[in-house]
C-alpha atoms as a PDB file:
ATOM      1  CA  MET A   1     -43.536   3.455  55.639  1.00  0.00           C
ATOM      2  CA  LEU A   2     -41.801   5.903  53.490  1.00  0.00           C
ATOM      3  CA  ALA A   3     -38.876   5.914  55.677  1.00  0.00           C
ATOM      4  CA  LEU A   4     -38.609   2.225  55.235  1.00  0.00           C
ATOM      5  CA  ARG A   5     -38.993   2.691  51.594  1.00  0.00           C
ATOM      6  CA  ARG A   6     -36.076   5.361  51.510  1.00  0.00           C
ATOM      7  CA  ARG A   7     -33.940   2.914  53.659  1.00  0.00           C
ATOM      8  CA  LEU A   8     -34.398  -0.034  51.174  1.00  0.00           C
ATOM      9  CA  LEU A   9     -33.402   2.341  48.212  1.00  0.00           C
ATOM     10  CA  ALA A  10     -30.546   3.556  50.123  1.00  0.00           C
ATOM     11  CA  LEU A  11     -29.306  -0.208  50.727  1.00  0.00           C
ATOM     12  CA  LYS A  12     -29.419  -1.076  47.330  1.00  0.00           C
ATOM     13  CA  ALA A  13     -27.499   1.922  45.911  1.00  0.00           C
ATOM     14  CA  ALA A  14     -24.989   1.099  48.550  1.00  0.00           C
ATOM     15  CA  GLY A  15     -24.385  -2.028  47.179  1.00  0.00           C
ATOM     16  CA  GLU A  16     -23.654  -0.748  43.706  1.00  0.00           C
ATOM     17  CA  HIS A  17     -21.254   1.855  44.885  1.00  0.00           C
ATOM     18  CA  GLY A  18     -18.075   1.645  42.954  1.00  0.00           C
ATOM     19  CA  SER A  19     -18.789  -1.063  40.381  1.00  0.00           C
ATOM     20  CA  ALA A  20     -18.752   1.265  37.536  1.00  0.00           C
ATOM     21  CA  ILE A  21     -15.021   1.627  37.479  1.00  0.00           C
ATOM     22  CA  VAL A  22     -14.413  -1.979  37.792  1.00  0.00           C
ATOM     23  CA  GLU A  23     -16.632  -2.867  34.755  1.00  0.00           C
ATOM     24  CA  PHE A  24     -15.295   0.148  32.794  1.00  0.00           C
ATOM     25  CA  VAL A  25     -11.619  -1.152  33.573  1.00  0.00           C
ATOM     26  CA  PHE A  26     -12.203  -4.669  32.623  1.00  0.00           C
ATOM     27  CA  LEU A  27     -14.362  -3.662  29.259  1.00  0.00           C
ATOM     28  CA  ALA A  28     -11.389  -1.127  28.351  1.00  0.00           C
ATOM     29  CA  VAL A  29      -8.660  -3.814  28.583  1.00  0.00           C
ATOM     30  CA  LEU A  30     -10.620  -6.365  26.897  1.00  0.00           C
ATOM     31  CA  LEU A  31     -11.130  -4.084  23.883  1.00  0.00           C
ATOM     32  CA  MET A  32      -8.072  -2.236  24.214  1.00  0.00           C
ATOM     33  CA  VAL A  33      -5.634  -5.137  23.778  1.00  0.00           C
ATOM     34  CA  PRO A  34      -7.072  -6.560  20.645  1.00  0.00           C
ATOM     35  CA  LEU A  35      -7.289  -3.463  18.900  1.00  0.00           C
ATOM     36  CA  PHE A  36      -3.677  -2.363  20.015  1.00  0.00           C
ATOM     37  CA  TYR A  37      -2.450  -5.709  18.303  1.00  0.00           C
ATOM     38  CA  LEU A  38      -4.572  -4.986  15.309  1.00  0.00           C
ATOM     39  CA  VAL A  39      -2.802  -1.591  14.970  1.00  0.00           C
ATOM     40  CA  MET A  40       0.336  -2.923  15.604  1.00  0.00           C
ATOM     41  CA  THR A  41       0.020  -5.632  12.847  1.00  0.00           C
ATOM     42  CA  LEU A  42      -1.595  -3.152  10.247  1.00  0.00           C
ATOM     43  CA  SER A  43       1.240  -0.656  10.760  1.00  0.00           C
ATOM     44  CA  ARG A  44       3.674  -3.740   9.987  1.00  0.00           C
ATOM     45  CA  ILE A  45       2.034  -4.652   6.939  1.00  0.00           C
ATOM     46  CA  GLN A  46       1.743  -1.553   5.734  1.00  0.00           C
ATOM     47  CA  ALA A  47       5.738  -0.920   6.183  1.00  0.00           C
ATOM     48  CA  GLY A  48       6.029  -4.023   4.128  1.00  0.00           C
ATOM     49  CA  ALA A  49       3.876  -2.807   1.691  1.00  0.00           C
ATOM     50  CA  TYR A  50       5.188   0.626   1.126  1.00  0.00           C
ATOM     51  CA  ALA A  51       8.929  -1.395   1.465  1.00  0.00           C
ATOM     52  CA  ALA A  52       7.962  -3.456  -1.527  1.00  0.00           C
ATOM     53  CA  SER A  53       6.567  -0.864  -3.887  1.00  0.00           C
ATOM     54  CA  THR A  54       9.593   1.591  -3.021  1.00  0.00           C
ATOM     55  CA  ALA A  55      12.376  -1.281  -3.560  1.00  0.00           C
ATOM     56  CA  ALA A  56      10.868  -2.367  -6.574  1.00  0.00           C
ATOM     57  CA  ARG A  57      10.384   1.419  -8.136  1.00  0.00           C
ATOM     58  CA  GLU A  58      13.806   2.441  -6.987  1.00  0.00           C
ATOM     59  CA  ALA A  59      15.452  -0.769  -8.351  1.00  0.00           C
ATOM     60  CA  GLY A  60      14.011  -0.193 -11.469  1.00  0.00           C
ATOM     61  CA  ARG A  61      15.495   3.432 -11.869  1.00  0.00           C
ATOM     62  CA  ALA A  62      18.698   2.420 -10.323  1.00  0.00           C
ATOM     63  CA  PHE A  63      19.104  -0.317 -13.212  1.00  0.00           C
ATOM     64  CA  VAL A  64      18.071   2.016 -16.198  1.00  0.00           C
ATOM     65  CA  THR A  65      20.260   4.694 -15.174  1.00  0.00           C
ATOM     66  CA  ALA A  66      23.058   2.322 -15.016  1.00  0.00           C
ATOM     67  CA  SER A  67      26.071   3.434 -17.348  1.00  0.00           C
ATOM     68  CA  GLU A  68      27.725   0.281 -17.952  1.00  0.00           C
ATOM     69  CA  PRO A  69      25.253  -2.898 -18.013  1.00  0.00           C
ATOM     70  CA  ALA A  70      27.598  -4.855 -15.800  1.00  0.00           C
ATOM     71  CA  ALA A  71      26.914  -2.408 -12.975  1.00  0.00           C
ATOM     72  CA  ALA A  72      23.419  -2.083 -13.577  1.00  0.00           C
ATOM     73  CA  GLU A  73      22.275  -5.407 -11.444  1.00  0.00           C
ATOM     74  CA  GLU A  74      24.642  -4.279  -8.346  1.00  0.00           C
ATOM     75  CA  ARG A  75      22.934  -0.797  -8.502  1.00  0.00           C
ATOM     76  CA  ALA A  76      19.312  -2.373  -8.615  1.00  0.00           C
ATOM     77  CA  LEU A  77      20.173  -4.906  -5.428  1.00  0.00           C
ATOM     78  CA  ALA A  78      21.803  -1.775  -3.629  1.00  0.00           C
ATOM     79  CA  ALA A  79      18.728   0.553  -4.475  1.00  0.00           C
ATOM     80  CA  ALA A  80      16.518  -2.408  -3.173  1.00  0.00           C
ATOM     81  CA  ARG A  81      18.273  -3.136  -0.074  1.00  0.00           C
ATOM     82  CA  ILE A  82      18.119   0.370   0.916  1.00  0.00           C
ATOM     83  CA  ALA A  83      14.578   0.523   0.481  1.00  0.00           C
ATOM     84  CA  PHE A  84      14.130  -2.702   2.713  1.00  0.00           C
ATOM     85  CA  GLU A  85      16.458  -1.548   5.388  1.00  0.00           C
ATOM     86  CA  ASP A  86      14.502   2.006   5.831  1.00  0.00           C
ATOM     87  CA  GLN A  87      11.532   0.376   6.512  1.00  0.00           C
ATOM     88  CA  GLY A  88      13.134  -2.317   8.976  1.00  0.00           C
ATOM     89  CA  PHE A  89      13.270  -5.593   6.405  1.00  0.00           C
ATOM     90  CA  GLY A  90      16.498  -7.670   6.385  1.00  0.00           C
ATOM     91  CA  VAL A  91      17.993  -9.444   3.688  1.00  0.00           C
ATOM     92  CA  ASP A  92      16.142 -12.589   4.988  1.00  0.00           C
ATOM     93  CA  GLU A  93      12.610 -10.998   4.745  1.00  0.00           C
ATOM     94  CA  ALA A  94      13.137  -9.707   1.208  1.00  0.00           C
ATOM     95  CA  GLN A  95      13.808 -10.396  -2.192  1.00  0.00           C
ATOM     96  CA  LEU A  96      14.379  -8.848  -5.684  1.00  0.00           C
ATOM     97  CA  THR A  97      13.891 -10.450  -9.204  1.00  0.00           C
ATOM     98  CA  MET A  98      14.367  -8.782 -12.181  1.00  0.00           C
ATOM     99  CA  LYS A  99      13.150  -9.911 -15.922  1.00  0.00           C
ATOM    100  CA  CYS A 100      14.411  -7.887 -19.103  1.00  0.00           C
ATOM    101  CA  ASP A 101      11.989  -8.183 -22.198  1.00  0.00           C
ATOM    102  CA  GLY A 102      15.297  -9.084 -24.381  1.00  0.00           C
ATOM    103  CA  THR A 103      18.831  -8.828 -24.558  1.00  0.00           C
ATOM    104  CA  PRO A 104      20.754  -6.509 -23.920  1.00  0.00           C
ATOM    105  CA  CYS A 105      18.742  -5.238 -21.089  1.00  0.00           C
ATOM    106  CA  LEU A 106      20.048  -1.775 -21.702  1.00  0.00           C
ATOM    107  CA  ARG A 107      19.035  -1.124 -24.961  1.00  0.00           C
ATOM    108  CA  PRO A 108      17.051   1.813 -25.998  1.00  0.00           C
ATOM    109  CA  ASP A 109      13.168   1.374 -25.079  1.00  0.00           C
ATOM    110  CA  GLY A 110      14.374  -1.911 -23.206  1.00  0.00           C
ATOM    111  CA  ARG A 111      11.649  -2.966 -20.612  1.00  0.00           C
ATOM    112  CA  ILE A 112      12.920  -4.154 -17.163  1.00  0.00           C
ATOM    113  CA  GLU A 113      10.299  -5.709 -14.544  1.00  0.00           C
ATOM    114  CA  MET A 114      11.573  -5.761 -11.096  1.00  0.00           C
ATOM    115  CA  SER A 115       9.257  -7.727  -8.853  1.00  0.00           C
ATOM    116  CA  THR A 116       9.689  -7.571  -4.921  1.00  0.00           C
ATOM    117  CA  THR A 117       8.463  -9.728  -2.091  1.00  0.00           C
ATOM    118  CA  VAL A 118       8.537  -8.942   1.471  1.00  0.00           C
ATOM    119  CA  THR A 119       7.364 -11.464   4.200  1.00  0.00           C
ATOM    120  CA  VAL A 120       6.068  -9.325   6.918  1.00  0.00           C
ATOM    121  CA  PRO A 121       6.160 -11.495  10.504  1.00  0.00           C
ATOM    122  CA  LEU A 122       3.392 -11.140  12.465  1.00  0.00           C
ATOM    123  CA  PRO A 123       3.829  -9.688  16.153  1.00  0.00           C
ATOM    124  CA  LEU A 124       3.597 -11.511  18.945  1.00  0.00           C
ATOM    125  CA  VAL A 125       2.847 -14.754  17.604  1.00  0.00           C
ATOM    126  CA  PRO A 126       4.455 -17.843  19.311  1.00  0.00           C
ATOM    127  CA  SER A 127       6.212 -20.452  16.993  1.00  0.00           C
ATOM    128  CA  PHE A 128       3.992 -23.245  18.636  1.00  0.00           C
ATOM    129  CA  VAL A 129       1.136 -22.084  16.938  1.00  0.00           C
ATOM    130  CA  ARG A 130       2.474 -22.284  13.242  1.00  0.00           C
ATOM    131  CA  GLY A 131      -0.220 -24.961  12.250  1.00  0.00           C
ATOM    132  CA  VAL A 132      -2.939 -22.747  13.200  1.00  0.00           C
ATOM    133  CA  VAL A 133      -2.014 -19.245  12.448  1.00  0.00           C
ATOM    134  CA  PRO A 134       0.212 -17.933   9.927  1.00  0.00           C
ATOM    135  CA  LEU A 135       2.915 -16.306  11.193  1.00  0.00           C
ATOM    136  CA  GLU A 136       4.325 -14.408   8.425  1.00  0.00           C
ATOM    137  CA  VAL A 137       2.585 -12.018   5.430  1.00  0.00           C
ATOM    138  CA  PRO A 138       3.808 -11.773   2.171  1.00  0.00           C
ATOM    139  CA  VAL A 139       3.438  -8.725   0.149  1.00  0.00           C
ATOM    140  CA  THR A 140       4.643  -8.308  -3.263  1.00  0.00           C
ATOM    141  CA  ALA A 141       5.040  -5.639  -5.572  1.00  0.00           C
ATOM    142  CA  SER A 142       6.173  -4.985  -9.033  1.00  0.00           C
ATOM    143  CA  HIS A 143       7.639  -1.889 -11.194  1.00  0.00           C
ATOM    144  CA  VAL A 144       8.392  -2.122 -15.095  1.00  0.00           C
ATOM    145  CA  ALA A 145      11.227   0.636 -16.125  1.00  0.00           C
ATOM    146  CA  VAL A 146      11.984   1.764 -19.309  1.00  0.00           C
ATOM    147  CA  VAL A 147      15.203   2.383 -20.459  1.00  0.00           C
ATOM    148  CA  ASP A 148      15.658   5.944 -22.364  1.00  0.00           C
ATOM    149  CA  ARG A 149      15.087   5.917 -25.858  1.00  0.00           C
ATOM    150  CA  PHE A 150      17.999   7.993 -26.566  1.00  0.00           C
ATOM    151  CA  ARG A 151      20.398   6.021 -24.427  1.00  0.00           C
ATOM    152  CA  GLY A 152      23.961   6.452 -25.602  1.00  0.00           C
ATOM    153  CA  GLN A 153      23.581   8.751 -28.160  1.00  0.00           C
ATOM    154  CA  PRO A 154      25.384  12.232 -28.080  1.00  0.00           C
END
């Protein structure tokens, strides 16, 4: 009787042999694929946020430190473009808008608001699901730069 019981337990254990590995691999893949996608998406959105804030800040600095009003806007656009490209965003994915609080913009104590917008495309989303899932996440930032009070004074 004891031998029969041992034999039944041995047969039961033999049927379960090796299935833990299969279950582990299945669950690991099931959990790791969404986790990998989430990390990829969040890192791209973080890069967009960093690009937007850096571009706004650097464009403001470049604008208020320009020696001539004609070159200020070009300097601001160049600084923003460098910040966008540093994080892997092209000209078609980012934009910069400038707004002065008066005229001329480069007067002492003048304030210039730089606003940037970066559209971050979501990775691995096919275009045929455009109606269900958004394909882009807009990220915006703004920075107010102040022209030096003693600008142009010897």
